[in-house]
Amino acid sequence: MQPLRPKWTAEPDHAPAGRSLAPVASRAVERVMGRPPAYYQRKGRIFWAAWRRSILWSVTAILALVVGFTSAGLPFRAAGTHVAETLVLAAGLRVGSIVIEGDDGIPDADVIDALSPFKDVPLPFFDVAEAREKLMAIPRVRSATVMKLYPNTLHLKIEEREPFALWQRAGKTTVIDRDGRIVRAAPDGSQTALPLFVGEGANVSAHTFQQALNDTPSVKARVEAAVRVADRRWTLKLDNGVDVRLPETGAAEALATLAKMMRQPRFFDQPIASIDLRLADRVTLTLTEEGAVARRTLLERQEQGTGERHT
């Protein structure tokens, strides 16, 4: 029978030094002094081998954010932009010509001034959105498109606001388009024949009212001006000095009524000062002062003649 051996026994004194006591001593030293440098070096090499790509990408991303989106990167961005612009200019990609389409009534100088500065600007760096906003600020421009045509051309397509009418307000007459927007500060010789609208708010309602006038050409032919009253209704100034007061609603029907009255023989031979069409069920005629005097005299003579016959 084999003799029983103890589960643990101390090693003899001649055993290699530190073989059994080293782990205990090492743990004690680590508690007091920390791990030895060689340990951390070995661990660092393992960590770097496993995570170096992630670390490099993270550092690159952080640097890109700093350079691209913070004030610290302004010098780097400016230097990079300057180098890129220099290379583009050296390649001949600069704004060398401008082609304008559809601006017959807009001075070329206004368009060129709106695009400035553009001389020696690299075409790839030209801001077409900003250029379009500047063109849209020109009063006569309704819409604008700006395109780059490489290597050195800007192509502009402009839709103009067509002069529609004259708008008089506070003693000043301007030219407006059908939307009521001012396209010229003052009319030129070719625009004096445009319809004249007067008063606050007349510019906004002018196009709709002019369409109603177009349906009654006999009235339209005699209208010298349409005056907007309290921005609610219209009063027409006819070429014979007669004022025609129209209602707030149903102006088209009132114009049709006026056209029918004007078809009567010698209607305007009467001394009429104004025609009031504001009430749908009646028409009120106001005579001029001379006409009122003449009418009173006529009525008095008629009454005297009647009295004499009765006597």
Protein backbone atom coordinates (compact mmCIF):
# COMPACT_ATOMS: atom_id res chain seq x y z
CA MET A 1 0.00 0.00 0.00
CA GLN A 2 1.29 3.38 -1.00
CA PRO A 3 1.81 5.76 1.89
CA LEU A 4 -0.51 8.76 1.95
CA ARG A 5 1.01 12.06 0.83
CA PRO A 6 0.03 15.40 2.24
CA LYS A 7 -1.97 17.71 -0.06
CA TRP A 8 0.56 20.50 0.36
CA THR A 9 4.14 20.57 1.57
CA ALA A 10 6.83 23.17 1.72
CA GLU A 11 9.56 22.88 -0.80
CA PRO A 12 12.98 22.03 0.53
CA ASP A 13 15.45 24.76 1.34
CA HIS A 14 17.57 23.93 -1.63
CA ALA A 15 14.75 24.75 -4.09
CA PRO A 16 15.45 27.65 -6.54
CA ALA A 17 15.08 30.98 -4.82
CA GLY A 18 11.81 32.77 -5.38
CA ARG A 19 10.01 29.87 -6.98
CA SER A 20 7.39 29.58 -4.30
CA LEU A 21 7.65 32.96 -2.59
CA ALA A 22 7.83 35.03 -5.80
CA PRO A 23 4.08 35.17 -6.49
CA VAL A 24 3.36 36.28 -2.97
CA ALA A 25 6.15 38.83 -3.01
CA SER A 26 5.19 40.06 -6.47
CA ARG A 27 1.60 40.63 -5.43
CA ALA A 28 2.78 42.49 -2.33
CA VAL A 29 5.07 44.70 -4.40
CA GLU A 30 2.28 45.40 -6.92
CA ARG A 31 -0.02 46.49 -4.11
CA VAL A 32 2.57 48.95 -2.81
CA MET A 33 4.47 50.05 -5.93
CA GLY A 34 2.14 49.13 -8.76
CA ARG A 35 2.89 46.89 -11.66
CA PRO A 36 6.41 46.95 -13.12
CA PRO A 37 7.04 49.03 -16.30
CA ALA A 38 7.59 45.95 -18.40
CA TYR A 39 4.05 44.81 -17.66
CA TYR A 40 2.52 48.03 -18.89
CA GLN A 41 4.76 48.09 -21.94
CA ARG A 42 3.60 44.60 -22.85
CA LYS A 43 -0.04 45.49 -22.22
CA GLY A 44 0.35 48.74 -24.22
CA ARG A 45 1.70 46.87 -27.22
CA ILE A 46 -1.22 44.49 -27.10
CA PHE A 47 -3.73 47.35 -26.77
CA TRP A 48 -2.15 49.35 -29.62
CA ALA A 49 -2.13 46.37 -31.93
CA ALA A 50 -5.83 45.76 -31.31
CA TRP A 51 -7.11 49.37 -31.37
CA ARG A 52 -4.65 51.41 -33.45
CA ARG A 53 -6.99 51.77 -36.47
CA SER A 54 -9.89 52.97 -34.35
CA ILE A 55 -7.62 55.40 -32.49
CA LEU A 56 -6.18 56.82 -35.72
CA TRP A 57 -9.63 57.28 -37.27
CA SER A 58 -10.96 58.93 -34.12
CA VAL A 59 -8.04 61.36 -33.94
CA THR A 60 -8.43 62.17 -37.65
CA ALA A 61 -12.16 62.83 -37.22
CA ILE A 62 -11.57 65.11 -34.23
CA LEU A 63 -8.93 67.09 -36.14
CA ALA A 64 -11.25 67.41 -39.12
CA LEU A 65 -14.04 68.75 -36.90
CA VAL A 66 -11.70 71.24 -35.26
CA VAL A 67 -10.35 72.48 -38.61
CA GLY A 68 -13.69 72.51 -40.38
CA PHE A 69 -16.12 73.83 -37.80
CA THR A 70 -14.29 75.87 -35.18
CA SER A 71 -12.51 79.19 -35.17
CA ALA A 72 -9.23 77.36 -34.55
CA GLY A 73 -9.42 76.00 -38.08
CA LEU A 74 -9.98 79.35 -39.82
CA PRO A 75 -6.33 79.82 -40.85
CA PHE A 76 -6.20 76.30 -42.27
CA ARG A 77 -9.47 76.72 -44.18
CA ALA A 78 -8.44 80.09 -45.57
CA ALA A 79 -5.08 78.73 -46.67
CA GLY A 80 -6.70 75.72 -48.31
CA THR A 81 -9.27 77.84 -50.13
CA HIS A 82 -6.60 80.23 -51.37
CA VAL A 83 -4.49 77.38 -52.73
CA ALA A 84 -7.52 75.82 -54.45
CA GLU A 85 -8.54 79.15 -56.02
CA THR A 86 -5.01 79.74 -57.26
CA LEU A 87 -4.91 76.33 -58.92
CA VAL A 88 -8.34 76.84 -60.53
CA LEU A 89 -7.36 80.28 -61.88
CA ALA A 90 -4.14 78.83 -63.25
CA ALA A 91 -6.24 76.28 -65.13
CA GLY A 92 -8.25 79.08 -66.79
CA LEU A 93 -11.54 78.38 -64.95
CA ARG A 94 -12.47 81.97 -64.21
CA VAL A 95 -15.51 84.13 -64.98
CA GLY A 96 -14.56 85.58 -68.34
CA SER A 97 -17.94 86.32 -69.98
CA ILE A 98 -21.60 86.77 -69.07
CA VAL A 99 -24.49 85.83 -71.39
CA ILE A 100 -27.82 87.49 -70.53
CA GLU A 101 -31.10 86.17 -71.93
CA GLY A 102 -34.49 87.88 -71.66
CA ASP A 103 -33.60 91.29 -70.19
CA ASP A 104 -34.73 93.53 -73.04
CA GLY A 105 -36.10 96.21 -70.73
CA ILE A 106 -33.49 95.99 -67.97
CA PRO A 107 -30.26 97.95 -68.40
CA ASP A 108 -27.26 95.64 -68.68
CA ALA A 109 -25.43 97.85 -66.20
CA ASP A 110 -27.99 96.98 -63.51
CA VAL A 111 -27.44 93.27 -64.10
CA ILE A 112 -23.66 93.57 -64.10
CA ASP A 113 -23.69 95.66 -60.93
CA ALA A 114 -25.87 93.05 -59.21
CA LEU A 115 -23.34 90.31 -59.98
CA SER A 116 -20.27 92.25 -58.87
CA PRO A 117 -17.64 91.41 -57.86
CA PHE A 118 -17.10 88.63 -60.37
CA LYS A 119 -13.91 89.60 -62.19
CA ASP A 120 -11.20 86.95 -61.80
CA VAL A 121 -13.46 84.87 -59.57
CA PRO A 122 -12.84 81.12 -60.04
CA LEU A 123 -15.91 79.73 -61.76
CA PRO A 124 -16.21 76.66 -59.48
CA PHE A 125 -16.23 79.00 -56.46
CA PHE A 126 -18.82 81.44 -57.88
CA ASP A 127 -21.94 81.42 -55.66
CA VAL A 128 -24.92 81.13 -58.03
CA ALA A 129 -27.46 81.24 -55.19
CA GLU A 130 -26.15 84.57 -53.96
CA ALA A 131 -26.06 85.90 -57.52
CA ARG A 132 -29.70 84.92 -58.04
CA GLU A 133 -30.74 86.72 -54.85
CA LYS A 134 -29.00 89.88 -56.05
CA LEU A 135 -30.74 89.67 -59.42
CA MET A 136 -34.13 89.15 -57.78
CA ALA A 137 -33.57 92.42 -55.88
CA ILE A 138 -33.78 94.34 -59.18
CA PRO A 139 -37.37 95.72 -59.29
CA ARG A 140 -38.09 94.63 -62.87
CA VAL A 141 -36.90 91.03 -62.41
CA ARG A 142 -39.70 88.50 -61.85
CA SER A 143 -37.48 85.40 -61.90
CA ALA A 144 -33.80 84.66 -62.57
CA THR A 145 -31.68 81.60 -63.27
CA VAL A 146 -27.88 81.56 -63.05
CA MET A 147 -25.90 78.75 -64.65
CA LYS A 148 -22.17 78.03 -64.97
CA LEU A 149 -20.92 77.08 -68.40
CA TYR A 150 -17.37 75.85 -68.18
CA PRO A 151 -14.68 76.88 -68.69
CA ASN A 152 -15.42 80.60 -68.19
CA THR A 153 -19.05 81.66 -68.82
CA LEU A 154 -22.02 82.66 -66.69
CA HIS A 155 -25.43 82.25 -68.36
CA LEU A 156 -28.29 84.34 -66.96
CA LYS A 157 -31.94 83.76 -67.86
CA ILE A 158 -34.16 86.59 -66.67
CA GLU A 159 -37.94 86.98 -66.78
CA GLU A 160 -39.01 90.61 -66.59
CA ARG A 161 -41.94 92.19 -64.84
CA GLU A 162 -43.97 93.81 -67.60
CA PRO A 163 -45.24 97.37 -66.98
CA PHE A 164 -49.00 97.12 -66.45
CA ALA A 165 -50.27 100.43 -65.11
CA LEU A 166 -49.42 103.72 -63.46
CA TRP A 167 -49.93 104.09 -59.73
CA GLN A 168 -50.29 107.52 -58.19
CA ARG A 169 -49.87 107.94 -54.46
CA ALA A 170 -48.99 111.01 -52.39
CA GLY A 171 -48.48 113.00 -55.57
CA LYS A 172 -45.90 110.56 -56.97
CA THR A 173 -46.54 108.38 -60.02
CA THR A 174 -44.74 105.04 -60.45
CA VAL A 175 -45.01 102.12 -62.87
CA ILE A 176 -46.35 98.82 -61.52
CA ASP A 177 -46.73 95.32 -62.90
CA ARG A 178 -49.87 93.19 -62.72
CA ASP A 179 -48.93 92.04 -59.20
CA GLY A 180 -48.82 95.66 -58.02
CA ARG A 181 -45.05 95.72 -57.61
CA ILE A 182 -43.21 98.88 -58.59
CA VAL A 183 -40.99 98.25 -61.63
CA ARG A 184 -40.01 101.85 -62.39
CA ALA A 185 -39.77 104.86 -60.12
CA ALA A 186 -41.23 107.09 -62.84
CA PRO A 187 -42.84 106.43 -66.24
CA ASP A 188 -41.01 107.15 -69.45
CA GLY A 189 -42.55 108.51 -72.61
CA SER A 190 -43.79 105.11 -73.79
CA GLN A 191 -45.62 104.37 -70.54
CA THR A 192 -47.74 107.50 -70.10
CA ALA A 193 -50.65 105.81 -71.91
CA LEU A 194 -50.94 103.04 -69.32
CA PRO A 195 -54.08 102.94 -67.14
CA LEU A 196 -53.87 105.20 -64.10
CA PHE A 197 -54.82 103.99 -60.62
CA VAL A 198 -54.82 106.33 -57.63
CA GLY A 199 -54.74 105.83 -53.88
CA GLU A 200 -53.51 103.47 -51.19
CA GLY A 201 -54.06 99.84 -52.07
CA ALA A 202 -54.89 100.64 -55.70
CA ASN A 203 -51.77 98.85 -56.91
CA VAL A 204 -52.85 95.52 -55.38
CA SER A 205 -56.41 95.59 -56.76
CA ALA A 206 -55.61 97.21 -60.12
CA HIS A 207 -55.24 94.02 -62.17
CA THR A 208 -58.55 92.52 -61.04
CA PHE A 209 -60.44 95.78 -61.62
CA GLN A 210 -58.85 96.29 -65.04
CA GLN A 211 -60.19 92.88 -66.10
CA ALA A 212 -63.71 94.06 -65.18
CA LEU A 213 -63.17 97.23 -67.22
CA ASN A 214 -62.05 95.15 -70.20
CA ASP A 215 -65.52 93.56 -70.24
CA THR A 216 -67.11 97.01 -70.76
CA PRO A 217 -65.00 98.64 -73.50
CA SER A 218 -67.33 101.63 -73.90
CA VAL A 219 -66.77 102.57 -70.27
CA LYS A 220 -63.06 101.75 -70.38
CA ALA A 221 -62.56 104.09 -73.32
CA ARG A 222 -63.77 107.07 -71.26
CA VAL A 223 -61.96 106.31 -67.98
CA GLU A 224 -59.05 108.64 -67.24
CA ALA A 225 -58.32 107.31 -63.76
CA ALA A 226 -59.63 104.83 -61.21
CA VAL A 227 -59.41 106.08 -57.62
CA ARG A 228 -59.31 103.62 -54.75
CA VAL A 229 -61.47 104.90 -51.86
CA ALA A 230 -60.47 103.70 -48.37
CA ASP A 231 -59.08 100.58 -50.06
CA ARG A 232 -62.65 99.29 -50.34
CA ARG A 233 -64.21 100.53 -53.56
CA TRP A 234 -63.53 102.49 -56.76
CA THR A 235 -64.53 105.87 -58.13
CA LEU A 236 -64.02 106.40 -61.85
CA LYS A 237 -62.90 109.73 -63.29
CA LEU A 238 -64.32 110.01 -66.81
CA ASP A 239 -62.87 112.14 -69.59
CA ASN A 240 -65.83 114.57 -69.40
CA GLY A 241 -65.26 115.27 -65.68
CA VAL A 242 -68.02 112.97 -64.41
CA ASP A 243 -67.32 110.90 -61.27
CA VAL A 244 -68.80 107.40 -61.16
CA ARG A 245 -69.03 105.90 -57.68
CA LEU A 246 -68.97 102.10 -57.72
CA PRO A 247 -70.03 99.74 -54.90
CA GLU A 248 -67.64 97.73 -52.70
CA THR A 249 -69.01 94.49 -54.14
CA GLY A 250 -70.54 93.91 -57.54
CA ALA A 251 -68.38 96.44 -59.38
CA ALA A 252 -68.64 94.42 -62.61
CA GLU A 253 -72.47 94.57 -62.51
CA ALA A 254 -72.35 98.31 -61.81
CA LEU A 255 -70.07 98.84 -64.81
CA ALA A 256 -72.54 96.91 -66.99
CA THR A 257 -75.32 99.22 -65.74
CA LEU A 258 -73.24 102.27 -66.59
CA ALA A 259 -72.51 100.95 -70.07
CA LYS A 260 -76.24 100.49 -70.64
CA MET A 261 -76.96 104.07 -69.52
CA MET A 262 -74.25 105.42 -71.82
CA ARG A 263 -75.95 103.80 -74.81
CA GLN A 264 -78.89 106.20 -74.39
CA PRO A 265 -78.85 109.02 -76.98
CA ARG A 266 -77.16 112.20 -75.76
CA PHE A 267 -76.86 110.83 -72.24
CA PHE A 268 -73.78 112.86 -71.38
CA ASP A 269 -75.23 116.01 -72.93
CA GLN A 270 -76.90 116.50 -69.56
CA PRO A 271 -74.99 118.61 -66.97
CA ILE A 272 -74.05 115.58 -64.83
CA ALA A 273 -71.44 115.95 -62.09
CA SER A 274 -71.54 112.40 -60.69
CA ILE A 275 -73.27 109.04 -61.03
CA ASP A 276 -73.76 107.03 -57.86
CA LEU A 277 -74.10 103.27 -58.44
CA ARG A 278 -73.36 102.16 -54.88
CA LEU A 279 -76.95 100.98 -54.31
CA ALA A 280 -78.05 98.02 -56.39
CA ASP A 281 -81.70 99.13 -56.69
CA ARG A 282 -81.20 102.75 -57.76
CA VAL A 283 -78.99 105.17 -59.66
CA THR A 284 -78.42 108.68 -58.34
CA LEU A 285 -77.41 111.48 -60.72
CA THR A 286 -75.96 114.69 -59.32
CA LEU A 287 -76.01 117.74 -61.57
CA THR A 288 -73.30 120.33 -61.88
CA GLU A 289 -73.87 123.67 -60.18
CA GLU A 290 -74.74 125.32 -63.49
CA GLY A 291 -77.01 122.45 -64.39
CA ALA A 292 -78.79 122.65 -61.03
CA VAL A 293 -79.41 126.39 -61.53
CA ALA A 294 -80.70 125.80 -65.03
CA ARG A 295 -83.00 123.04 -63.80
CA ARG A 296 -84.43 125.23 -61.02
CA THR A 297 -85.05 128.03 -63.50
CA LEU A 298 -86.80 125.64 -65.84
CA LEU A 299 -88.98 124.28 -63.07
CA GLU A 300 -89.91 127.80 -61.94
CA ARG A 301 -90.91 128.77 -65.48
CA GLN A 302 -92.99 125.65 -65.78
CA GLU A 303 -94.77 126.46 -62.52
CA GLN A 304 -95.42 130.07 -63.62
CA GLY A 305 -96.83 128.91 -66.93
CA THR A 306 -99.12 126.50 -65.15
CA GLY A 307 -100.37 129.25 -62.83
CA GLU A 308 -101.11 131.65 -65.69
CA ARG A 309 -103.18 129.04 -67.49
CA HIS A 310 -105.22 128.42 -64.36
CA THR A 311 -105.91 132.18 -64.02
